[in-house]
Protein backbone atom coordinates (compact mmCIF):
# COMPACT_ATOMS: atom_id res chain seq x y z
CA UNK A 1 10.80 54.31 85.09
CA UNK A 2 9.10 54.85 81.46
CA UNK A 3 7.83 58.49 81.56
CA UNK A 4 4.11 58.56 80.81
CA UNK A 5 2.71 59.67 77.62
CA UNK A 6 -0.81 60.75 76.58
CA UNK A 7 -1.25 57.43 74.97
CA UNK A 8 -0.63 55.62 78.54
CA UNK A 9 -3.05 57.76 80.31
CA UNK A 10 -5.73 57.26 77.42
CA UNK A 11 -5.21 53.61 77.61
CA UNK A 12 -5.04 53.42 81.81
CA UNK A 13 -8.34 55.94 81.91
CA UNK A 14 -9.94 54.14 79.04
CA UNK A 15 -10.68 56.96 77.13
CA UNK A 16 -9.43 58.13 73.52
CA UNK A 17 -5.96 59.47 73.24
CA UNK A 18 -7.39 62.74 71.32
CA UNK A 19 -9.60 63.27 74.36
CA UNK A 20 -6.61 63.17 76.51
CA UNK A 21 -4.60 65.47 74.24
CA UNK A 22 -7.53 67.98 74.09
CA UNK A 23 -7.98 68.21 77.87
CA UNK A 24 -4.28 68.58 78.76
CA UNK A 25 -4.07 71.54 75.77
CA UNK A 26 -7.01 73.10 76.96
CA UNK A 27 -9.15 72.71 74.01
CA UNK A 28 -12.74 72.58 73.89
CA UNK A 29 -14.65 69.12 73.37
CA UNK A 30 -14.20 67.54 76.83
CA UNK A 31 -16.35 67.78 79.96
CA UNK A 32 -15.12 69.80 82.92
CA UNK A 33 -15.31 66.58 84.90
CA UNK A 34 -13.53 64.44 82.64
CA UNK A 35 -10.90 67.12 82.05
CA UNK A 36 -10.11 67.61 85.70
CA UNK A 37 -9.78 63.73 86.19
CA UNK A 38 -7.52 63.67 83.12
CA UNK A 39 -5.19 66.68 84.58
CA UNK A 40 -5.26 65.36 88.22
CA UNK A 41 -4.13 61.88 87.05
CA UNK A 42 -1.35 63.38 84.38
CA UNK A 43 -0.13 65.28 87.47
CA UNK A 44 -0.19 62.37 89.60
CA UNK A 45 2.01 60.32 87.36
CA UNK A 46 4.41 62.91 86.58
CA UNK A 47 3.53 63.57 83.04
CA UNK A 48 5.40 66.29 80.89
CA UNK A 49 4.37 67.00 77.67
CA UNK A 50 6.90 66.12 74.62
CA UNK A 51 7.62 69.63 72.94
CA UNK A 52 9.58 67.56 70.03
CA UNK A 53 6.26 65.55 69.39
CA UNK A 54 3.79 68.37 69.55
CA UNK A 55 6.31 70.28 67.03
CA UNK A 56 6.85 67.75 64.52
CA UNK A 57 3.11 67.21 64.28
CA UNK A 58 2.51 71.10 63.57
CA UNK A 59 5.75 70.92 61.34
CA UNK A 60 7.26 73.74 63.54
CA UNK A 61 10.31 72.49 65.77
CA UNK A 62 11.32 75.80 67.13
CA UNK A 63 14.79 74.63 67.31
CA UNK A 64 17.81 75.55 65.45
CA UNK A 65 21.21 73.70 64.74
CA UNK A 66 24.61 75.20 65.34
CA UNK A 67 27.91 73.46 63.66
CA UNK A 68 31.33 74.49 65.17
CA UNK A 69 34.79 73.41 64.73
CA UNK A 70 35.62 73.12 67.97
CA UNK A 71 33.01 73.91 70.62
CA UNK A 72 35.84 73.89 73.21
CA UNK A 73 37.63 76.82 71.92
CA UNK A 74 37.28 80.03 73.35
CA UNK A 75 36.50 82.15 70.31
CA UNK A 76 33.78 79.74 69.18
CA UNK A 77 32.46 79.25 72.58
CA UNK A 78 31.65 83.19 73.07
CA UNK A 79 29.92 83.41 69.42
CA UNK A 80 27.85 80.06 70.47
CA UNK A 81 27.01 81.53 73.69
CA UNK A 82 25.75 84.70 72.18
CA UNK A 83 23.64 82.86 69.47
CA UNK A 84 21.75 80.65 72.26
CA UNK A 85 21.19 83.69 74.20
CA UNK A 86 19.43 85.66 71.38
CA UNK A 87 17.64 82.13 70.12
CA UNK A 88 16.55 81.38 73.57
CA UNK A 89 15.08 85.27 73.78
CA UNK A 90 12.77 84.41 70.66
CA UNK A 91 11.68 81.13 71.81
CA UNK A 92 14.11 78.81 70.05
CA UNK A 93 16.22 75.78 71.54
CA UNK A 94 19.82 75.51 70.18
CA UNK A 95 21.23 71.80 69.37
CA UNK A 96 24.88 72.66 68.97
CA UNK A 97 27.24 70.26 67.28
CA UNK A 98 31.02 69.83 66.97
CA UNK A 99 32.72 68.79 63.50
CA UNK A 100 35.99 68.57 65.30
CA UNK A 101 37.30 70.73 62.35
CA UNK A 102 36.88 67.71 59.98
CA UNK A 103 34.79 67.75 56.50
CA UNK A 104 33.34 64.18 57.33
CA UNK A 105 32.04 65.33 60.80
CA UNK A 106 30.90 68.23 59.25
CA UNK A 107 28.59 66.30 56.89
CA UNK A 108 27.42 63.86 59.69
CA UNK A 109 26.50 67.02 61.94
CA UNK A 110 24.15 68.44 59.15
CA UNK A 111 22.73 65.25 58.09
CA UNK A 112 21.89 64.90 62.20
CA UNK A 113 20.10 68.39 62.50
CA UNK A 114 18.32 67.81 59.13
CA UNK A 115 16.90 64.43 60.59
CA UNK A 116 16.05 66.59 63.63
CA UNK A 117 14.19 68.85 61.59
CA UNK A 118 15.61 72.17 62.87
CA UNK A 119 14.38 75.18 61.15
CA UNK A 120 17.48 76.51 60.59
CA UNK A 121 21.74 76.00 60.68
CA UNK A 122 24.43 78.34 61.83
CA UNK A 123 27.81 77.25 60.62
CA UNK A 124 31.49 77.60 60.46
CA UNK A 125 32.72 75.12 57.89
CA UNK A 126 35.76 72.98 58.77
CA UNK A 127 38.99 73.84 57.46
CA UNK A 128 38.78 70.28 55.63
CA UNK A 129 35.95 71.45 53.65
CA UNK A 130 36.79 72.16 50.32
CA UNK A 131 33.71 70.45 48.42
CA UNK A 132 30.29 72.49 49.68
CA UNK A 133 27.88 70.31 47.96
CA UNK A 134 26.24 69.04 51.17
CA UNK A 135 25.46 72.65 52.22
CA UNK A 136 24.17 73.51 48.73
CA UNK A 137 21.98 70.51 48.80
CA UNK A 138 20.54 71.77 51.84
CA UNK A 139 20.21 75.35 50.51
CA UNK A 140 18.19 74.03 47.54
CA UNK A 141 15.81 72.51 50.01
CA UNK A 142 15.12 76.06 51.54
CA UNK A 143 16.96 74.97 54.84
CA UNK A 144 18.19 78.61 56.09
CA UNK A 145 21.77 78.71 56.59
CA UNK A 146 23.78 81.49 57.85
CA UNK A 147 27.63 80.89 57.88
CA UNK A 148 30.06 82.93 60.68
CA UNK A 149 33.78 83.67 60.99
CA UNK A 150 34.41 81.58 57.61
CA UNK A 151 32.71 81.90 54.76
CA UNK A 152 33.04 80.31 51.35
CA UNK A 153 31.66 82.50 48.63
CA UNK A 154 28.68 79.96 47.56
CA UNK A 155 25.74 82.38 47.69
CA UNK A 156 25.08 81.77 51.39
CA UNK A 157 24.52 84.35 53.78
CA UNK A 158 27.20 85.10 56.32
CA UNK A 159 28.80 87.30 59.31
CA UNK A 160 32.42 87.97 59.41
CA UNK A 161 34.72 90.54 60.30
CA UNK A 162 36.43 93.24 58.17
CA UNK A 163 39.55 90.59 57.20
CA UNK A 164 41.07 92.51 54.88
CA UNK A 165 41.21 96.03 56.66
CA UNK A 166 42.21 94.38 60.12
CA UNK A 167 44.98 92.80 58.68
CA UNK A 168 46.16 95.83 56.96
CA UNK A 169 45.95 97.84 59.88
CA UNK A 170 48.06 95.46 62.09
CA UNK A 171 50.75 95.21 59.16
CA UNK A 172 50.89 98.89 58.94
CA UNK A 173 51.15 98.89 62.79
CA UNK A 174 54.43 96.88 62.74
CA UNK A 175 55.92 98.68 60.06
CA UNK A 176 55.17 102.12 61.96
CA UNK A 177 57.07 100.46 64.68
CA UNK A 178 60.41 99.69 62.33
CA UNK A 179 59.46 96.09 61.19
CA UNK A 180 60.77 95.30 57.84
CA UNK A 181 60.47 91.57 57.61
CA UNK A 182 57.06 90.87 58.45
CA UNK A 183 55.78 86.96 58.21
CA UNK A 184 52.39 86.25 57.92
CA UNK A 185 51.04 82.95 59.40
CA UNK A 186 47.83 81.93 57.88
CA UNK A 187 45.22 78.87 57.82
CA UNK A 188 44.46 76.90 54.22
CA UNK A 189 44.71 78.71 51.22
CA UNK A 190 41.09 77.66 50.30
CA UNK A 191 39.78 79.73 53.14
CA UNK A 192 38.20 83.06 51.96
CA UNK A 193 39.40 84.15 55.63
CA UNK A 194 42.98 83.43 54.95
CA UNK A 195 42.79 84.98 51.44
CA UNK A 196 41.45 88.09 52.52
CA UNK A 197 43.81 88.40 55.55
CA UNK A 198 46.58 87.80 53.58
CA UNK A 199 45.24 90.08 50.92
CA UNK A 200 45.66 92.84 53.77
CA UNK A 201 49.00 91.97 54.71
CA UNK A 202 50.08 92.22 51.23
CA UNK A 203 48.34 95.52 50.56
CA UNK A 204 50.11 97.02 53.28
CA UNK A 205 53.47 96.14 52.18
CA UNK A 206 52.81 97.31 48.82
CA UNK A 207 51.76 100.65 49.93
CA UNK A 208 54.52 101.02 52.50
CA UNK A 209 57.23 100.09 49.75
CA UNK A 210 58.31 96.96 51.43
CA UNK A 211 59.28 93.91 49.33
CA UNK A 212 56.88 90.94 49.40
CA UNK A 213 59.18 87.72 50.33
CA UNK A 214 57.30 84.74 49.57
CA UNK A 215 59.62 82.55 51.95
CA UNK A 216 57.77 84.75 54.89
CA UNK A 217 54.32 83.57 53.97
CA UNK A 218 52.96 80.36 55.64
CA UNK A 219 49.48 79.08 54.76
CA UNK A 220 48.79 75.63 56.18
CA UNK A 221 46.65 73.56 58.70
CA UNK A 222 45.46 75.78 61.74
CA UNK A 223 46.90 73.87 64.93
CA UNK A 224 49.39 74.50 67.38
CA UNK A 225 51.93 71.92 65.97
CA UNK A 226 51.46 73.61 62.66
CA UNK A 227 52.21 76.67 63.63
CA UNK A 228 54.99 75.95 65.82
CA UNK A 229 56.84 74.41 63.07
CA UNK A 230 56.09 77.26 60.68
CA UNK A 231 57.69 79.52 63.00
CA UNK A 232 60.71 77.62 63.69
CA UNK A 233 61.37 77.54 59.88
CA UNK A 234 60.98 81.20 59.55
CA UNK A 235 63.27 82.07 62.57
CA UNK A 236 65.78 79.47 60.65
CA UNK A 237 65.88 81.67 57.65
CA UNK A 238 69.02 83.49 56.85
CA UNK A 239 66.88 86.60 56.95
CA UNK A 240 64.40 85.53 59.61
CA UNK A 241 61.24 87.74 60.11
CA UNK A 242 61.27 90.47 62.63
CA UNK A 243 57.61 90.13 62.97
CA UNK A 244 54.72 88.00 62.67
CA UNK A 245 51.17 88.17 62.07
CA UNK A 246 49.06 85.35 63.19
CA UNK A 247 45.95 85.11 61.43
CA UNK A 248 44.54 82.61 64.66
CA UNK A 249 45.04 82.41 68.14
CA UNK A 250 46.63 79.09 68.09
CA UNK A 251 49.13 80.13 65.30
CA UNK A 252 49.63 83.08 67.79
CA UNK A 253 50.33 81.28 70.60
CA UNK A 254 52.48 78.80 69.09
CA UNK A 255 54.56 81.41 67.29
CA UNK A 256 55.18 82.68 70.94
CA UNK A 257 56.23 79.54 72.17
CA UNK A 258 58.78 78.93 69.22
CA UNK A 259 60.29 82.50 69.47
CA UNK A 260 61.07 82.24 73.23
CA UNK A 261 62.18 78.44 72.71
CA UNK A 262 64.97 80.15 70.73
CA UNK A 263 66.24 82.38 73.41
CA UNK A 264 64.60 85.37 70.95
CA UNK A 265 62.98 88.50 72.77
CA UNK A 266 59.49 89.65 71.95
CA UNK A 267 58.88 92.53 70.94
CA UNK A 268 62.67 93.31 70.71
CA UNK A 269 63.74 90.30 68.29
CA UNK A 270 60.36 89.47 66.78
CA UNK A 271 57.18 91.45 67.17
CA UNK A 272 53.52 89.50 67.15
CA UNK A 273 49.98 90.57 66.63
CA UNK A 274 47.40 87.74 66.29
CA UNK A 275 43.52 87.53 66.06
CA UNK A 276 42.41 86.48 69.37
CA UNK A 277 40.25 87.54 72.63
CA UNK A 278 41.13 89.52 75.33
CA UNK A 279 41.53 87.05 78.01
CA UNK A 280 43.70 84.82 75.85
CA UNK A 281 46.15 87.64 75.27
CA UNK A 282 46.26 88.29 79.02
CA UNK A 283 47.08 84.86 79.90
CA UNK A 284 50.39 84.77 77.25
CA UNK A 285 53.70 86.15 78.52
CA UNK A 286 54.44 88.83 77.18
CA UNK A 287 50.77 89.83 76.48
CA UNK A 288 50.09 89.40 72.56
CA UNK A 289 48.88 92.40 70.67
CA UNK A 290 45.76 91.43 68.83
CA UNK A 291 42.93 92.18 66.48
CA UNK A 292 40.01 92.61 68.95
CA UNK A 293 36.55 90.82 67.28
CA UNK A 294 32.95 91.60 68.62
CA UNK A 295 32.19 87.83 69.01
CA UNK A 296 28.92 88.96 70.66
CA UNK A 297 27.83 91.01 67.68
CA UNK A 298 28.99 88.11 65.51
CA UNK A 299 26.67 85.73 67.00
CA UNK A 300 23.72 88.01 67.35
CA UNK A 301 24.04 88.97 63.56
CA UNK A 302 23.98 85.58 62.69
CA UNK A 303 20.87 84.66 64.59
CA UNK A 304 19.31 87.73 63.18
CA UNK A 305 20.14 86.53 59.60
CA UNK A 306 19.03 83.13 60.21
CA UNK A 307 15.88 84.52 61.72
CA UNK A 308 15.00 86.64 58.74
CA UNK A 309 15.07 83.51 56.59
CA UNK A 310 13.33 81.58 58.90
CA UNK A 311 10.52 84.29 58.49
CA UNK A 312 10.64 84.13 54.87
CA UNK A 313 13.34 86.50 53.37
CA UNK A 314 15.20 84.38 50.83
CA UNK A 315 17.71 87.22 49.80
CA UNK A 316 21.39 86.74 50.55
CA UNK A 317 22.89 88.96 52.92
CA UNK A 318 26.70 89.31 53.71
CA UNK A 319 27.37 91.16 57.33
CA UNK A 320 30.91 92.48 57.93
CA UNK A 321 31.56 93.16 61.80
CA UNK A 322 34.40 95.84 62.33
CA UNK A 323 37.34 94.61 64.33
CA UNK A 324 40.03 96.85 65.86
CA UNK A 325 43.81 96.42 66.71
CA UNK A 326 44.62 96.43 70.56
CA UNK A 327 48.16 96.84 71.36
CA UNK A 328 49.82 94.94 74.20
CA UNK A 329 53.25 94.06 75.19
CA UNK A 330 54.39 91.48 71.68
CA UNK A 331 54.82 95.00 69.88
CA UNK A 332 56.80 97.96 70.43
């Protein structure tokens, strides 16, 4: 059954639609008897106001858009949950879209959100995205935008973790445990996140006087299969790694499976440190030592930056949320 609208009410009651609108919004200019008649009829017919129609009329939708590479992935789900909670507290609705980590889908998601007149967008770019013209166009049109987790350097506000120092700390911890051939599993090399975490890893090797072995660095697509293949290739080297830093949770889990599939022990033969959440680490056997990221803080800071922009602040801000190393069973 079709929902009844203000126009339907006006037609049935034989009055002007503007009169119905004023009566239902409590605005003066309608007699008490007519207002009561309109309100009673609207209630009987199950009328519900359309917030989108009203917001478009006044050019304020009170909605924001969120674009994530994979909404089902635990890491992104926790961040989105915090963004949505903070947005709701401030009277905003969230429209959440999933790019499936593909550049073409990301463009479509942004077009959808723009067509829905969202007031701002929080986005984690896909790992396929190398052309950011679609985002720069939105920024040029004064659309408030904030990056989170992955933040290309294109003059848009962002919230990330301390990628360089956290990777350096993880590498130093493995060196302190006796590791001398530490491998690095990363995402695509065009990611600033990959570049920064790799930089921290290399920085630690240099500072501790360990040789940099290019064959121990694998930076490809972030996926379970990619991590599995890369780890198996590392283990097949004449001098295989005795430790691995995985810059993404999927890469850490695939590395663990690859190592155990070869009959090797963790951490006795190969130690692992990954970037993941507590409960994912706890589900692994052995439990993976990990860089703990404050996902709630990332989500809150991202919404605050977006809110500042929606309130007229046009400055570009880059917020860094501190992450810390949590040692579990996969390191000595």
